[in-house]
Amino acid sequence: MADQPSMRIDSVVLPPDVQPTYANFAAVNHTPWDFRVTFAQLQVPHERGSGEVVLTPRAVVDLVLPAGAVHGLIMALKENYDAYLAAYGPPALQGDADQPPG
């Protein structure tokens, strides 16, 4: 049996029209076939007449991933989160630093 050729994924190429999008909230759902991650920006809270405070997330990216790709995403996030912790320590809790730097 012949050896399988090796495959390597190179770094991601960002076309000039793709700009970073800031999100401070994510909602995750799934079907038997895929996972949907909707990234959003939490807007300034407003109060309803009943005294209830309501946060209204505004979606900025709606990403659908095949179920088979999710494990790799989780591993990549874990690896990068561990590197972040080693370099900077634990991040601020949501709400403490909910705006992008600068």
C-alpha atoms as a PDB file:
ATOM      1  CA  MET A   1       0.000   0.000   0.000  1.00  0.00           C
ATOM      2  CA  ALA A   2       1.391   3.404  -0.986  1.00  0.00           C
ATOM      3  CA  ASP A   3       2.119   6.010   1.648  1.00  0.00           C
ATOM      4  CA  GLN A   4      -0.494   8.724   1.976  1.00  0.00           C
ATOM      5  CA  PRO A   5       0.792  12.154   0.954  1.00  0.00           C
ATOM      6  CA  SER A   6       1.105  14.531   3.881  1.00  0.00           C
ATOM      7  CA  MET A   7      -1.084  17.585   4.042  1.00  0.00           C
ATOM      8  CA  ARG A   8      -0.406  20.851   5.802  1.00  0.00           C
ATOM      9  CA  ILE A   9      -2.734  23.815   6.173  1.00  0.00           C
ATOM     10  CA  ASP A  10      -0.897  27.077   5.632  1.00  0.00           C
ATOM     11  CA  SER A  11      -1.712  30.309   7.458  1.00  0.00           C
ATOM     12  CA  VAL A  12      -5.047  31.965   6.710  1.00  0.00           C
ATOM     13  CA  VAL A  13      -4.987  34.609   4.012  1.00  0.00           C
ATOM     14  CA  LEU A  14      -7.138  37.623   4.855  1.00  0.00           C
ATOM     15  CA  PRO A  15      -8.279  39.511   1.770  1.00  0.00           C
ATOM     16  CA  PRO A  16      -8.161  43.305   2.168  1.00  0.00           C
ATOM     17  CA  ASP A  17     -11.974  43.547   2.311  1.00  0.00           C
ATOM     18  CA  VAL A  18     -12.198  41.284   5.402  1.00  0.00           C
ATOM     19  CA  GLN A  19     -12.084  43.416   8.527  1.00  0.00           C
ATOM     20  CA  PRO A  20     -11.977  42.296  12.172  1.00  0.00           C
ATOM     21  CA  THR A  21     -15.355  42.312  13.914  1.00  0.00           C
ATOM     22  CA  TYR A  22     -15.621  42.818  17.667  1.00  0.00           C
ATOM     23  CA  ALA A  23     -18.064  40.683  19.663  1.00  0.00           C
ATOM     24  CA  ASN A  24     -18.537  40.411  23.431  1.00  0.00           C
ATOM     25  CA  PHE A  25     -21.289  37.777  23.399  1.00  0.00           C
ATOM     26  CA  ALA A  26     -21.813  34.426  21.670  1.00  0.00           C
ATOM     27  CA  ALA A  27     -24.831  32.148  21.413  1.00  0.00           C
ATOM     28  CA  VAL A  28     -24.266  28.502  20.419  1.00  0.00           C
ATOM     29  CA  ASN A  29     -26.804  26.042  18.985  1.00  0.00           C
ATOM     30  CA  HIS A  30     -26.513  22.745  17.126  1.00  0.00           C
ATOM     31  CA  THR A  31     -28.296  20.301  14.861  1.00  0.00           C
ATOM     32  CA  PRO A  32     -27.255  16.704  14.160  1.00  0.00           C
ATOM     33  CA  TRP A  33     -25.119  18.055  11.280  1.00  0.00           C
ATOM     34  CA  ASP A  34     -23.640  21.373  12.354  1.00  0.00           C
ATOM     35  CA  PHE A  35     -23.017  23.947  15.048  1.00  0.00           C
ATOM     36  CA  ARG A  36     -24.110  27.569  14.772  1.00  0.00           C
ATOM     37  CA  VAL A  37     -22.220  30.241  16.686  1.00  0.00           C
ATOM     38  CA  THR A  38     -23.772  33.686  16.558  1.00  0.00           C
ATOM     39  CA  PHE A  39     -21.364  36.376  17.724  1.00  0.00           C
ATOM     40  CA  ALA A  40     -22.917  39.627  18.902  1.00  0.00           C
ATOM     41  CA  GLN A  41     -22.247  42.934  20.571  1.00  0.00           C
ATOM     42  CA  LEU A  42     -24.209  43.567  23.759  1.00  0.00           C
ATOM     43  CA  GLN A  43     -25.840  46.963  23.515  1.00  0.00           C
ATOM     44  CA  VAL A  44     -26.319  49.461  26.311  1.00  0.00           C
ATOM     45  CA  PRO A  45     -28.959  48.049  28.657  1.00  0.00           C
ATOM     46  CA  HIS A  46     -32.368  49.677  28.777  1.00  0.00           C
ATOM     47  CA  GLU A  47     -35.011  49.430  31.456  1.00  0.00           C
ATOM     48  CA  ARG A  48     -38.541  48.259  30.800  1.00  0.00           C
ATOM     49  CA  GLY A  49     -41.411  49.876  32.654  1.00  0.00           C
ATOM     50  CA  SER A  50     -41.432  46.970  35.123  1.00  0.00           C
ATOM     51  CA  GLY A  51     -37.904  47.812  36.299  1.00  0.00           C
ATOM     52  CA  GLU A  52     -36.466  44.852  34.370  1.00  0.00           C
ATOM     53  CA  VAL A  53     -33.119  45.617  32.706  1.00  0.00           C
ATOM     54  CA  VAL A  54     -32.839  44.214  29.203  1.00  0.00           C
ATOM     55  CA  LEU A  55     -29.650  43.625  27.228  1.00  0.00           C
ATOM     56  CA  THR A  56     -30.156  43.389  23.481  1.00  0.00           C
ATOM     57  CA  PRO A  57     -27.353  41.580  21.631  1.00  0.00           C
ATOM     58  CA  ARG A  58     -26.833  42.757  18.041  1.00  0.00           C
ATOM     59  CA  ALA A  59     -25.518  39.922  15.866  1.00  0.00           C
ATOM     60  CA  VAL A  60     -22.355  40.740  13.941  1.00  0.00           C
ATOM     61  CA  VAL A  61     -21.353  37.257  12.679  1.00  0.00           C
ATOM     62  CA  ASP A  62     -23.435  34.106  12.243  1.00  0.00           C
ATOM     63  CA  LEU A  63     -21.070  31.165  11.752  1.00  0.00           C
ATOM     64  CA  VAL A  64     -22.187  27.639  10.832  1.00  0.00           C
ATOM     65  CA  LEU A  65     -19.584  24.873  11.248  1.00  0.00           C
ATOM     66  CA  PRO A  66     -19.882  21.221  10.263  1.00  0.00           C
ATOM     67  CA  ALA A  67     -20.030  19.067  13.397  1.00  0.00           C
ATOM     68  CA  GLY A  68     -16.741  17.384  12.436  1.00  0.00           C
ATOM     69  CA  ALA A  69     -14.874  20.722  12.601  1.00  0.00           C
ATOM     70  CA  VAL A  70     -15.958  21.633  16.135  1.00  0.00           C
ATOM     71  CA  HIS A  71     -13.429  19.423  17.959  1.00  0.00           C
ATOM     72  CA  GLY A  72     -10.559  21.136  16.110  1.00  0.00           C
ATOM     73  CA  LEU A  73     -11.994  24.565  16.968  1.00  0.00           C
ATOM     74  CA  ILE A  74     -12.272  23.631  20.650  1.00  0.00           C
ATOM     75  CA  MET A  75      -8.674  22.365  20.693  1.00  0.00           C
ATOM     76  CA  ALA A  76      -7.409  25.524  18.934  1.00  0.00           C
ATOM     77  CA  LEU A  77      -9.311  27.734  21.391  1.00  0.00           C
ATOM     78  CA  LYS A  78      -7.961  25.755  24.359  1.00  0.00           C
ATOM     79  CA  GLU A  79      -4.381  25.954  23.086  1.00  0.00           C
ATOM     80  CA  ASN A  80      -4.655  29.708  22.545  1.00  0.00           C
ATOM     81  CA  TYR A  81      -6.462  30.269  25.852  1.00  0.00           C
ATOM     82  CA  ASP A  82      -3.727  28.380  27.710  1.00  0.00           C
ATOM     83  CA  ALA A  83      -1.090  30.536  25.970  1.00  0.00           C
ATOM     84  CA  TYR A  84      -3.086  33.668  26.912  1.00  0.00           C
ATOM     85  CA  LEU A  85      -3.215  32.574  30.569  1.00  0.00           C
ATOM     86  CA  ALA A  86       0.534  31.934  30.584  1.00  0.00           C
ATOM     87  CA  ALA A  87       1.262  35.349  29.067  1.00  0.00           C
ATOM     88  CA  TYR A  88      -1.345  37.590  30.731  1.00  0.00           C
ATOM     89  CA  GLY A  89      -3.081  35.690  33.536  1.00  0.00           C
ATOM     90  CA  PRO A  90      -6.851  35.269  33.825  1.00  0.00           C
ATOM     91  CA  PRO A  91      -8.899  37.728  31.755  1.00  0.00           C
ATOM     92  CA  ALA A  92     -11.395  40.142  33.272  1.00  0.00           C
ATOM     93  CA  LEU A  93     -14.888  38.745  33.694  1.00  0.00           C
ATOM     94  CA  GLN A  94     -17.532  39.591  31.087  1.00  0.00           C
ATOM     95  CA  GLY A  95     -18.745  43.106  31.787  1.00  0.00           C
ATOM     96  CA  ASP A  96     -15.447  44.193  33.382  1.00  0.00           C
ATOM     97  CA  ALA A  97     -13.743  44.581  30.019  1.00  0.00           C
ATOM     98  CA  ASP A  98     -16.531  44.388  27.480  1.00  0.00           C
ATOM     99  CA  GLN A  99     -15.117  46.966  25.082  1.00  0.00           C
ATOM    100  CA  PRO A 100     -12.237  46.485  22.650  1.00  0.00           C
ATOM    101  CA  PRO A 101      -8.935  48.130  23.577  1.00  0.00           C
ATOM    102  CA  GLY A 102      -8.206  51.598  22.218  1.00  0.00           C
END
